[in-house]
Amino acid sequence: MKHNNILLLGGSGFIGKQLAFVLANRGCSVTIPCRYPHRNNALLVHPNIQIIQSNVFDPNSLDSLCKGQDAVINLIGILHQRKADDFRKVHVSFIKMLFTACNNNQIRRFLHLSALGADQATGTSDYLRSKGEGENLLHTFGRKNMQITSFQPSVVFGKNDQFINRFAAILKLCIGFFPLACPNSKLAPVYVGDLVERIANTIDNRESFSKRYAVCGPEIFTLKQIVELINDAIGASLRIVPLGNGLSKFQAVILQNLPGKLFTLDNYHSLQTPNVCPGNDLCNTSLRQYIQDIGVLFTNKKHYDRFRKQLPR
């Protein structure tokens, strides 16, 4: 069966925007609900993308959104809590509500974005445990009458990400040195373009039904190695000072109580789980090359002009 009408939840976010264009370019009709449509006018340049003002956490609104859809893709998730139950509200309770809405409207195809290391029983943080619980609910409830596929990506990078850009912004504000928590945490960052291609490729693929896919890039880094790459690319010339477990926890406790929540104790606990894939089916885009290219483009105009001239017209 060809799934032409797709409800994309979280479509106005970093990953969602990329996925929306990939799906729309393939001829799918993509509906994206969000609270503030005027902030996402860039999506409307594509005739196959429709933005609807809606609160997806309202059951009636969610049920209405599901009418006439062939498939649902859920990208909604949070990395930080404002209230103690926010992880469960977004990663578990919302999944139950969404599953009910899909059943009410006879939607039989559901794709879900989880997280690498998500595990209801053994996750090292509230984030990972709640992500794992929501994913398990889908695969358990969907066995009889819904085809579920979930994706567990490592940290995702790309234009407008909250990974490289956040570290780059912080490094630019530092003078002399940068104290880094959890420096030895292992990550296999995946490029957003590779991730969304994998999601889009599975929609009509029957072999992907009931599968859970870990998605990683081709390289494994420690967090310290990644920050050093960013530091070099932006020309910050800072000394990256690795913190031990005790100071890493202390930093998390301090920062989670400041505006913006740059780093929380739950983030610290998440980083205790290696964020790498167990298999060899890896994406191709190199984080090292991507960061080095950013440095060339934005720190040296001569190199940028040469790069621009080499682009195919």
Protein backbone atom coordinates (compact mmCIF):
# COMPACT_ATOMS: atom_id res chain seq x y z
CA MET A 1 0.00 0.00 0.00
CA LYS A 2 1.21 3.50 -0.89
CA HIS A 3 0.92 5.93 2.02
CA ASN A 4 0.28 9.28 0.34
CA ASN A 5 -1.34 11.35 3.09
CA ILE A 6 0.98 11.75 6.06
CA LEU A 7 0.44 13.48 9.39
CA LEU A 8 3.85 14.68 10.56
CA LEU A 9 3.90 15.49 14.28
CA GLY A 10 6.90 17.60 15.25
CA GLY A 11 7.21 18.68 11.63
CA SER A 12 8.15 22.25 12.53
CA GLY A 13 11.28 21.15 14.39
CA PHE A 14 14.86 20.67 13.23
CA ILE A 15 14.42 17.09 12.01
CA GLY A 16 10.77 17.55 11.05
CA LYS A 17 11.39 20.33 8.52
CA GLN A 18 13.99 18.26 6.72
CA LEU A 19 11.71 15.23 6.66
CA ALA A 20 8.73 17.26 5.46
CA PHE A 21 10.57 18.40 2.32
CA VAL A 22 11.88 14.90 1.58
CA LEU A 23 8.36 13.45 1.80
CA ALA A 24 6.80 16.31 -0.16
CA ASN A 25 9.39 15.96 -2.92
CA ARG A 26 8.40 12.32 -3.23
CA GLY A 27 4.80 13.32 -3.91
CA CYS A 28 3.35 12.80 -0.43
CA SER A 29 0.78 15.22 0.98
CA VAL A 30 2.24 16.26 4.34
CA THR A 31 0.14 17.83 7.11
CA ILE A 32 2.04 19.56 9.92
CA PRO A 33 0.16 20.76 13.00
CA CYS A 34 1.75 23.42 15.16
CA ARG A 35 0.70 26.18 17.54
CA TYR A 36 2.31 29.04 15.62
CA PRO A 37 2.03 28.48 11.85
CA HIS A 38 3.35 31.97 11.03
CA ARG A 39 6.75 30.95 12.39
CA ASN A 40 7.04 28.22 9.76
CA ASN A 41 6.19 30.00 6.52
CA ALA A 42 9.32 28.54 4.89
CA LEU A 43 7.56 25.17 4.78
CA LEU A 44 4.68 26.58 2.76
CA VAL A 45 6.83 27.14 -0.33
CA HIS A 46 6.15 23.50 -1.18
CA PRO A 47 2.64 22.84 -2.53
CA ASN A 48 2.53 19.38 -0.90
CA ILE A 49 2.97 20.74 2.63
CA GLN A 50 0.06 22.03 4.68
CA ILE A 51 0.42 23.67 8.09
CA ILE A 52 -2.53 23.63 10.48
CA GLN A 53 -2.78 25.58 13.71
CA SER A 54 -3.52 23.02 16.39
CA ASN A 55 -2.68 21.84 19.89
CA VAL A 56 -1.75 18.18 19.43
CA PHE A 57 -1.98 17.54 23.18
CA ASP A 58 -5.74 18.09 22.99
CA PRO A 59 -7.44 14.71 22.28
CA ASN A 60 -10.22 16.21 20.13
CA SER A 61 -7.76 18.20 18.01
CA LEU A 62 -5.56 15.14 17.59
CA ASP A 63 -8.51 12.99 16.53
CA SER A 64 -9.51 15.60 13.95
CA LEU A 65 -5.97 15.78 12.58
CA CYS A 66 -5.88 12.01 12.03
CA LYS A 67 -8.97 11.99 9.80
CA GLY A 68 -8.14 11.07 6.22
CA GLN A 69 -4.49 10.25 6.90
CA ASP A 70 -2.74 7.11 5.63
CA ALA A 71 0.18 7.26 8.04
CA VAL A 72 1.42 9.11 11.11
CA ILE A 73 5.04 10.01 11.87
CA ASN A 74 5.75 11.13 15.42
CA LEU A 75 8.90 13.18 16.05
CA ILE A 76 7.69 14.90 19.22
CA GLY A 77 10.07 14.72 22.15
CA ILE A 78 11.82 16.86 24.75
CA LEU A 79 15.33 16.79 26.22
CA HIS A 80 14.56 18.80 29.36
CA GLN A 81 11.71 18.91 31.85
CA ARG A 82 10.15 22.09 33.17
CA LYS A 83 7.95 20.07 35.53
CA ALA A 84 8.65 16.74 37.15
CA ASP A 85 6.23 14.78 34.93
CA ASP A 86 7.01 16.39 31.55
CA PHE A 87 8.93 13.37 30.20
CA ARG A 88 6.02 11.03 30.94
CA LYS A 89 3.50 13.51 29.55
CA VAL A 90 5.30 13.87 26.22
CA HIS A 91 6.94 10.46 25.76
CA VAL A 92 4.32 8.15 27.28
CA SER A 93 0.90 9.73 27.86
CA PHE A 94 0.94 11.48 24.49
CA ILE A 95 1.80 8.19 22.78
CA LYS A 96 -1.26 6.55 24.34
CA MET A 97 -3.47 9.42 23.20
CA LEU A 98 -2.00 9.37 19.69
CA PHE A 99 -2.40 5.62 19.39
CA THR A 100 -6.08 5.94 20.32
CA ALA A 101 -6.61 8.66 17.71
CA CYS A 102 -4.97 6.49 15.05
CA ASN A 103 -7.20 3.54 15.96
CA ASN A 104 -10.30 5.71 15.87
CA ASN A 105 -9.44 6.76 12.32
CA GLN A 106 -8.26 3.36 11.02
CA ILE A 107 -4.66 4.51 10.52
CA ARG A 108 -2.53 1.38 10.17
CA ARG A 109 0.95 2.84 9.58
CA PHE A 110 2.91 4.54 12.36
CA LEU A 111 6.56 5.65 12.40
CA HIS A 112 8.12 6.87 15.63
CA LEU A 113 11.34 8.64 16.54
CA SER A 114 12.81 7.28 19.78
CA ALA A 115 16.40 7.64 21.00
CA LEU A 116 19.52 5.51 21.07
CA GLY A 117 19.81 3.93 24.51
CA ALA A 118 16.09 4.25 25.22
CA ASP A 119 15.13 1.43 27.58
CA GLN A 120 12.14 1.32 29.90
CA ALA A 121 13.86 -0.97 32.39
CA THR A 122 17.56 -0.13 32.28
CA GLY A 123 17.75 3.42 30.87
CA THR A 124 20.25 5.50 32.82
CA SER A 125 18.05 8.62 32.87
CA ASP A 126 14.39 9.61 33.12
CA TYR A 127 14.63 10.73 29.50
CA LEU A 128 15.83 7.34 28.25
CA ARG A 129 13.40 5.35 30.42
CA SER A 130 10.40 7.41 29.30
CA LYS A 131 11.48 7.17 25.65
CA GLY A 132 11.80 3.42 26.03
CA GLU A 133 8.40 3.10 27.68
CA GLY A 134 6.65 5.05 24.93
CA GLU A 135 8.35 3.00 22.23
CA ASN A 136 7.42 -0.28 23.96
CA LEU A 137 3.79 0.82 24.21
CA LEU A 138 3.62 1.37 20.48
CA HIS A 139 5.17 -1.95 19.55
CA THR A 140 3.02 -3.81 22.08
CA PHE A 141 -0.33 -2.19 21.30
CA GLY A 142 0.31 -2.11 17.57
CA ARG A 143 0.90 -5.81 17.06
CA LYS A 144 -2.66 -6.66 16.02
CA ASN A 145 -3.86 -3.88 13.77
CA MET A 146 -1.06 -1.33 13.24
CA GLN A 147 2.33 -1.53 11.53
CA ILE A 148 4.92 0.18 13.75
CA THR A 149 8.49 1.16 12.88
CA SER A 150 10.69 3.05 15.33
CA PHE A 151 14.06 4.74 14.95
CA GLN A 152 16.70 5.15 17.64
CA PRO A 153 19.21 7.76 16.44
CA SER A 154 22.38 8.86 18.13
CA VAL A 155 22.78 12.63 18.50
CA VAL A 156 21.69 14.34 15.27
CA PHE A 157 23.66 17.13 13.59
CA GLY A 158 23.04 19.43 10.64
CA LYS A 159 22.07 22.98 9.77
CA ASN A 160 20.21 24.67 12.67
CA ASP A 161 20.83 21.74 15.03
CA GLN A 162 20.94 22.13 18.80
CA PHE A 163 24.16 20.17 19.11
CA ILE A 164 27.02 21.73 17.16
CA ASN A 165 25.43 25.19 17.19
CA ARG A 166 24.89 25.17 20.93
CA PHE A 167 28.48 24.18 21.68
CA ALA A 168 29.78 26.72 19.15
CA ALA A 169 27.76 29.51 20.80
CA ILE A 170 29.02 28.58 24.27
CA LEU A 171 32.64 28.31 23.15
CA LYS A 172 32.49 31.79 21.62
CA LEU A 173 31.54 33.21 25.02
CA CYS A 174 34.38 31.53 26.92
CA ILE A 175 37.79 33.03 27.59
CA GLY A 176 40.87 30.86 27.87
CA PHE A 177 39.31 27.51 28.72
CA PHE A 178 36.07 25.52 28.68
CA PRO A 179 35.19 23.05 31.48
CA LEU A 180 33.55 20.02 29.84
CA ALA A 181 31.35 17.57 31.72
CA CYS A 182 31.28 13.89 30.74
CA PRO A 183 34.25 14.29 28.34
CA ASN A 184 34.65 10.56 27.73
CA SER A 185 31.03 9.86 26.77
CA LYS A 186 30.93 8.05 23.42
CA LEU A 187 28.73 9.26 20.55
CA ALA A 188 28.21 8.29 16.91
CA PRO A 189 26.54 11.46 15.55
CA VAL A 190 24.24 11.01 12.56
CA TYR A 191 23.59 13.63 9.88
CA VAL A 192 19.98 14.82 9.75
CA GLY A 193 19.81 14.25 5.98
CA ASP A 194 20.80 10.60 6.40
CA LEU A 195 18.26 10.09 9.18
CA VAL A 196 15.29 11.56 7.32
CA GLU A 197 16.12 9.54 4.20
CA ARG A 198 16.00 6.37 6.27
CA ILE A 199 12.66 7.34 7.77
CA ALA A 200 11.17 8.23 4.39
CA ASN A 201 12.45 5.01 2.80
CA THR A 202 10.64 2.79 5.31
CA ILE A 203 7.11 4.21 5.03
CA ASP A 204 6.02 1.79 2.29
CA ASN A 205 8.57 -0.92 3.07
CA ARG A 206 6.80 -3.98 4.50
CA GLU A 207 10.11 -5.41 5.73
CA SER A 208 10.37 -2.52 8.19
CA PHE A 209 7.10 -3.37 9.94
CA SER A 210 7.56 -4.05 13.69
CA LYS A 211 11.27 -3.18 13.44
CA ARG A 212 13.37 -0.95 15.67
CA TYR A 213 16.31 0.67 13.89
CA ALA A 214 19.38 2.08 15.61
CA VAL A 215 20.74 4.94 13.44
CA CYS A 216 24.33 6.15 13.75
CA GLY A 217 26.96 7.97 11.74
CA PRO A 218 30.17 6.30 10.51
CA GLU A 219 32.45 7.66 13.27
CA ILE A 220 32.63 7.24 17.03
CA PHE A 221 33.89 10.18 19.09
CA THR A 222 34.20 11.09 22.71
CA LEU A 223 32.36 14.27 23.64
CA LYS A 224 35.73 15.93 24.21
CA GLN A 225 36.88 15.09 20.69
CA ILE A 226 33.72 16.62 19.21
CA VAL A 227 34.07 19.82 21.23
CA GLU A 228 37.72 20.08 20.19
CA LEU A 229 36.69 19.79 16.53
CA ILE A 230 34.14 22.59 16.97
CA ASN A 231 36.68 24.67 18.88
CA ASP A 232 39.19 24.39 16.03
CA ALA A 233 36.59 25.02 13.32
CA ILE A 234 35.36 28.30 14.78
CA GLY A 235 38.87 29.44 15.69
CA ALA A 236 38.13 29.74 19.41
CA SER A 237 41.56 28.39 20.53
CA LEU A 238 40.24 27.44 23.96
CA ARG A 239 41.73 24.79 26.21
CA ILE A 240 39.10 22.10 26.76
CA VAL A 241 39.31 21.04 30.41
CA PRO A 242 37.75 17.60 31.06
CA LEU A 243 35.81 17.28 34.31
CA GLY A 244 35.63 14.11 36.41
CA ASN A 245 32.34 12.54 37.50
CA GLY A 246 32.00 14.60 40.67
CA LEU A 247 32.58 17.96 38.98
CA SER A 248 30.42 16.92 36.01
CA LYS A 249 27.51 16.28 38.37
CA PHE A 250 28.15 19.54 40.17
CA GLN A 251 28.15 21.45 36.88
CA ALA A 252 24.85 19.79 35.92
CA VAL A 253 23.23 20.77 39.22
CA ILE A 254 24.30 24.38 38.76
CA LEU A 255 23.38 24.74 35.08
CA GLN A 256 19.98 23.05 35.32
CA ASN A 257 18.83 25.83 37.62
CA LEU A 258 19.87 28.60 35.23
CA PRO A 259 17.75 29.95 32.36
CA GLY A 260 18.04 27.87 29.21
CA LYS A 261 18.98 24.63 31.02
CA LEU A 262 22.23 24.18 29.09
CA PHE A 263 22.98 20.96 30.97
CA THR A 264 20.94 19.02 33.52
CA LEU A 265 21.50 16.14 35.91
CA ASP A 266 19.29 14.01 33.68
CA ASN A 267 21.52 14.89 30.70
CA TYR A 268 24.47 13.78 32.80
CA HIS A 269 22.80 10.44 33.46
CA SER A 270 21.93 10.01 29.76
CA LEU A 271 25.60 10.50 28.85
CA GLN A 272 26.56 7.53 31.04
CA THR A 273 25.14 5.28 28.29
CA PRO A 274 27.39 4.94 25.19
CA ASN A 275 25.49 6.52 22.30
CA VAL A 276 26.79 4.14 19.63
CA CYS A 277 25.14 1.51 17.42
CA PRO A 278 25.64 -2.22 17.97
CA GLY A 279 25.59 -3.13 14.25
CA ASN A 280 27.44 -2.13 11.09
CA ASP A 281 24.53 -0.62 9.12
CA LEU A 282 25.79 2.94 9.51
CA CYS A 283 24.98 6.20 7.71
CA ASN A 284 27.68 7.76 5.55
CA THR A 285 28.03 11.45 6.35
CA SER A 286 31.13 12.31 8.39
CA LEU A 287 30.75 14.66 11.35
CA ARG A 288 34.46 15.47 11.17
CA GLN A 289 34.18 16.59 7.55
CA TYR A 290 30.97 18.49 8.22
CA ILE A 291 32.52 20.49 11.08
CA GLN A 292 35.69 21.19 9.10
CA ASP A 293 33.60 22.45 6.18
CA ILE A 294 31.76 24.81 8.54
CA GLY A 295 35.09 26.22 9.62
CA VAL A 296 36.15 26.80 6.01
CA LEU A 297 32.86 28.44 5.07
CA PHE A 298 32.58 30.84 7.96
CA THR A 299 36.12 31.75 8.98
CA ASN A 300 37.81 32.33 5.64
CA LYS A 301 36.05 34.22 2.86
CA LYS A 302 38.69 33.30 0.29
CA HIS A 303 37.99 29.60 0.84
CA TYR A 304 34.26 30.29 0.77
CA ASP A 305 34.48 32.02 -2.61
CA ARG A 306 36.50 29.12 -4.00
CA PHE A 307 34.00 26.62 -2.60
CA ARG A 308 31.07 28.55 -4.10
CA LYS A 309 32.66 28.62 -7.56
CA GLN A 310 33.14 24.85 -7.48
CA LEU A 311 29.46 24.16 -6.83
CA PRO A 312 27.58 22.69 -9.81
CA ARG A 313 25.22 25.21 -11.34
